[in-house]
Protein backbone atom coordinates (compact mmCIF):
# COMPACT_ATOMS: atom_id res chain seq x y z
CA MET A 1 -36.79 7.43 58.90
CA ALA A 2 -35.02 4.36 57.58
CA VAL A 3 -38.35 2.79 56.67
CA MET A 4 -39.43 5.87 54.79
CA PHE A 5 -36.11 5.96 53.04
CA ARG A 6 -36.47 2.22 51.93
CA LYS A 7 -39.97 2.89 50.69
CA CYS A 8 -38.85 5.86 48.63
CA LEU A 9 -35.97 3.77 47.19
CA ARG A 10 -38.36 1.01 46.11
CA ALA A 11 -40.80 3.44 44.73
CA SER A 12 -38.03 5.14 42.63
CA VAL A 13 -37.67 2.06 40.39
CA SER A 14 -41.38 1.32 39.95
CA PRO A 15 -42.53 0.88 36.25
CA ALA A 16 -43.26 3.98 34.29
CA ALA A 17 -46.74 2.87 33.37
CA ASP A 18 -48.49 -0.53 33.36
CA GLY A 19 -49.15 -1.95 29.94
CA ASN A 20 -48.27 1.35 28.15
CA LYS A 21 -44.80 1.36 26.57
CA GLU A 22 -45.40 4.70 24.87
CA PHE A 23 -46.16 6.53 28.19
CA MET A 24 -43.22 8.56 29.47
CA LYS A 25 -42.83 10.84 32.48
CA ILE A 26 -39.42 12.53 32.63
CA GLY A 27 -38.07 14.14 35.84
CA VAL A 28 -35.68 17.05 36.02
CA LEU A 29 -33.53 17.35 39.12
CA ALA A 30 -34.60 20.72 40.53
CA LEU A 31 -32.14 21.35 43.34
CA GLN A 32 -30.27 24.07 41.56
CA GLY A 33 -29.44 25.26 38.02
CA ASP A 34 -31.38 25.67 34.80
CA PHE A 35 -33.94 22.93 35.28
CA LEU A 36 -36.77 25.09 34.02
CA GLU A 37 -35.22 25.34 30.55
CA HIS A 38 -35.24 21.52 30.27
CA LYS A 39 -38.95 21.44 31.34
CA VAL A 40 -39.86 23.91 28.67
CA ILE A 41 -38.32 21.73 25.86
CA LEU A 42 -39.77 18.48 27.20
CA GLN A 43 -43.27 20.13 27.44
CA LYS A 44 -42.78 21.42 23.91
CA LEU A 45 -42.19 17.75 22.80
CA GLY A 46 -45.38 16.83 24.58
CA VAL A 47 -43.82 14.85 27.50
CA GLU A 48 -45.11 14.92 30.99
CA THR A 49 -42.45 16.41 33.23
CA ILE A 50 -41.92 16.75 36.92
CA GLU A 51 -39.46 18.57 39.13
CA VAL A 52 -37.41 16.10 41.31
CA ARG A 53 -36.39 17.34 44.80
CA LEU A 54 -37.00 14.31 47.05
CA PRO A 55 -36.58 10.55 46.69
CA LYS A 56 -40.35 10.09 46.36
CA ASP A 57 -40.33 12.24 43.20
CA LEU A 58 -38.47 9.54 41.33
CA ALA A 59 -41.43 7.17 41.46
CA GLY A 60 -42.86 6.26 38.10
CA LEU A 61 -40.32 8.09 35.98
CA SER A 62 -39.02 6.84 32.61
CA GLY A 63 -35.90 8.90 32.80
CA LEU A 64 -34.14 11.86 34.61
CA ILE A 65 -32.28 14.95 33.51
CA ILE A 66 -29.61 16.52 35.79
CA PRO A 67 -29.25 20.12 34.59
CA GLY A 68 -26.44 22.54 34.38
CA GLY A 69 -25.62 24.75 37.31
CA GLU A 70 -23.08 24.47 40.10
CA SER A 71 -22.05 20.82 40.46
CA THR A 72 -20.73 21.13 44.05
CA THR A 73 -23.99 22.92 45.20
CA ILE A 74 -26.12 20.19 43.36
CA GLY A 75 -24.13 17.51 45.15
CA LYS A 76 -24.38 19.04 48.53
CA LEU A 77 -28.06 19.54 48.21
CA ALA A 78 -28.52 16.00 46.95
CA VAL A 79 -26.78 14.73 50.09
CA ALA A 80 -28.96 17.09 52.32
CA PHE A 81 -32.20 15.81 50.81
CA GLY A 82 -31.19 12.16 51.05
CA LEU A 83 -31.05 11.78 47.29
CA MET A 84 -27.66 10.28 46.65
CA GLU A 85 -28.46 6.58 47.03
CA PRO A 86 -32.02 6.91 45.43
CA LEU A 87 -30.46 8.63 42.39
CA ARG A 88 -27.74 5.84 42.05
CA HIS A 89 -30.38 3.20 42.39
CA PHE A 90 -32.56 4.92 39.69
CA ALA A 91 -29.59 5.40 37.37
CA ARG A 92 -28.84 1.66 37.44
CA GLU A 93 -32.30 0.98 36.04
CA PHE A 94 -33.35 4.04 33.99
CA PRO A 95 -31.79 6.57 31.62
CA VAL A 96 -30.16 9.65 33.15
CA TRP A 97 -28.76 12.54 31.21
CA GLY A 98 -26.36 15.05 32.76
CA THR A 99 -25.73 18.37 31.11
CA CYS A 100 -22.76 20.50 31.98
CA ALA A 101 -22.77 20.38 35.85
CA GLY A 102 -24.99 17.30 35.60
CA ALA A 103 -22.25 15.48 33.57
CA ILE A 104 -19.82 16.33 36.46
CA PHE A 105 -22.23 14.94 38.98
CA LEU A 106 -22.73 11.67 37.09
CA SER A 107 -18.88 11.09 36.60
CA GLN A 108 -16.62 8.85 38.50
CA ASN A 109 -14.05 11.59 38.89
CA ALA A 110 -14.12 15.36 38.78
CA LYS A 111 -10.59 15.96 40.00
CA LYS A 112 -12.00 17.80 43.04
CA GLU A 113 -13.41 16.64 46.39
CA GLN A 114 -17.11 16.92 45.96
CA PRO A 115 -20.26 14.71 46.14
CA LEU A 116 -20.50 12.64 42.92
CA LEU A 117 -22.90 9.92 41.89
CA LYS A 118 -19.97 8.04 40.34
CA MET A 119 -22.28 6.25 37.82
CA MET A 120 -20.52 6.88 34.55
CA ASP A 121 -16.90 5.63 33.91
CA ILE A 122 -15.70 9.07 32.79
CA THR A 123 -13.21 11.66 34.19
CA VAL A 124 -14.35 15.22 33.90
CA GLU A 125 -12.35 18.48 34.10
CA ARG A 126 -14.33 21.35 35.62
CA ASN A 127 -14.51 24.82 33.99
CA ALA A 128 -12.07 23.56 31.19
CA PHE A 129 -12.71 26.58 29.01
CA GLY A 130 -12.34 29.31 31.69
CA ALA A 131 -14.87 31.81 33.14
CA GLN A 132 -18.31 32.66 31.88
CA VAL A 133 -16.93 35.41 29.68
CA ASP A 134 -15.14 32.60 27.81
CA SER A 135 -18.52 30.97 26.80
CA PHE A 136 -18.90 30.04 23.13
CA GLU A 137 -20.89 28.03 20.66
CA ALA A 138 -19.76 25.30 18.30
CA ASP A 139 -21.21 23.14 15.54
CA LEU A 140 -21.04 19.41 16.31
CA ASP A 141 -21.45 16.52 13.92
CA ILE A 142 -22.89 13.68 15.92
CA ASP A 143 -23.64 10.62 13.82
CA GLU A 144 -25.66 8.90 16.49
CA LEU A 145 -27.84 12.05 16.97
CA LYS A 146 -28.46 12.29 13.29
CA LYS A 147 -29.50 8.70 13.07
CA ALA A 148 -31.85 8.87 15.91
CA THR A 149 -33.61 11.98 14.72
CA GLY A 150 -33.32 11.50 11.01
CA THR A 151 -31.53 14.75 10.27
CA ASP A 152 -28.18 15.73 8.83
CA ASP A 153 -27.64 19.16 10.19
CA PRO A 154 -24.88 19.77 12.81
CA PHE A 155 -25.95 20.47 16.36
CA ARG A 156 -25.21 23.96 17.56
CA ALA A 157 -23.85 23.51 21.06
CA VAL A 158 -23.68 26.21 23.78
CA PHE A 159 -20.78 25.96 26.14
CA ILE A 160 -20.99 28.04 29.44
CA ARG A 161 -18.20 27.48 32.01
CA ALA A 162 -18.25 24.11 30.52
CA PRO A 163 -16.34 20.93 31.68
CA ILE A 164 -14.48 18.65 29.34
CA ILE A 165 -14.86 14.88 29.49
CA GLU A 166 -11.09 14.15 29.80
CA SER A 167 -11.42 10.43 29.42
CA VAL A 168 -13.83 7.49 29.00
CA ARG A 169 -13.22 3.94 30.14
CA GLY A 170 -14.95 0.62 30.36
CA ASN A 171 -18.27 0.60 28.64
CA ALA A 172 -18.44 4.34 28.20
CA ARG A 173 -17.87 5.71 24.74
CA VAL A 174 -17.42 9.03 23.06
CA LEU A 175 -20.41 10.53 21.29
CA SER A 176 -18.89 13.86 20.20
CA ARG A 177 -15.64 15.85 20.16
CA LEU A 178 -14.71 19.44 19.33
CA ALA A 179 -12.59 20.05 16.34
CA ASP A 180 -9.46 19.98 18.49
CA GLY A 181 -10.37 16.45 19.72
CA ARG A 182 -11.61 17.23 23.10
CA ILE A 183 -14.64 15.10 24.20
CA VAL A 184 -17.81 16.98 24.93
CA ALA A 185 -20.45 14.11 24.92
CA ALA A 186 -20.34 10.49 26.04
CA ILE A 187 -22.71 7.59 26.63
CA GLU A 188 -22.58 4.49 28.78
CA GLY A 189 -25.54 2.18 28.33
CA HIS A 190 -28.51 4.32 29.17
CA LEU A 191 -26.45 7.11 30.81
CA LEU A 192 -25.70 10.22 28.84
CA ALA A 193 -23.34 13.17 29.55
CA THR A 194 -22.93 16.40 27.65
CA SER A 195 -20.52 19.25 28.35
CA PHE A 196 -22.85 21.73 26.71
CA HIS A 197 -26.44 23.07 27.16
CA PRO A 198 -28.93 21.69 24.67
CA GLU A 199 -31.71 23.31 26.70
CA LEU A 200 -30.45 26.81 25.81
CA THR A 201 -31.14 26.36 22.13
CA LYS A 202 -34.29 26.04 20.09
CA ASP A 203 -33.00 22.68 18.74
CA THR A 204 -34.86 19.74 20.51
CA ARG A 205 -32.98 17.03 18.86
CA PHE A 206 -30.74 16.07 21.89
CA HIS A 207 -33.88 15.93 24.05
CA GLN A 208 -35.52 13.71 21.39
CA TYR A 209 -32.33 11.50 21.45
CA PHE A 210 -32.55 11.19 25.26
CA LEU A 211 -36.29 10.30 24.99
CA SER A 212 -35.29 7.54 22.52
CA LEU A 213 -33.10 6.01 25.18
CA CYS A 214 -36.02 6.24 27.66
CA LYS A 215 -38.29 4.39 25.21
CA LYS A 216 -35.81 1.53 25.04
């Protein structure tokens, strides 16, 4: 079992493609949550996409998306499937984007005892806006997103039982805030966290932005 784990771990950081920098294969963690919605957008953008459930599924990926859902459940299933260390190893080398619950899972601290990857130097407050009936949409002006995609329009963000990024430290920095100043998107190197659900809109720009990180 230990030998198999080490083989999977080594495979998880193998190059995306030999001699072809334009090739990309993006994984979507498919343990729980709205992973299918991410797949639909990535496929619309013409990107090869696979569902990740086991360490071996990380092999050859250019990047990984951790979807929204229930962060505690995602964490417990990642532990059960032996994914915690392979995911951490992958995130040290390749871009990872966590949306909503995925942002919680990536964080150093979620103010609740639960399995976390602890890869991004951010503190997240779960369900910061209340229950699902308190879901809302907001226009976000994100300069880095506009530069990466060559557009000037604000991004219409969907918040569903959303967390707030309470603080960023170290090399992490703020990408976007609500009008009241609360942080809803952050980046640390090649790691990206958003409180909202870009996969639930027709706007593909955030996925394009993530793909630009994967190309780098």
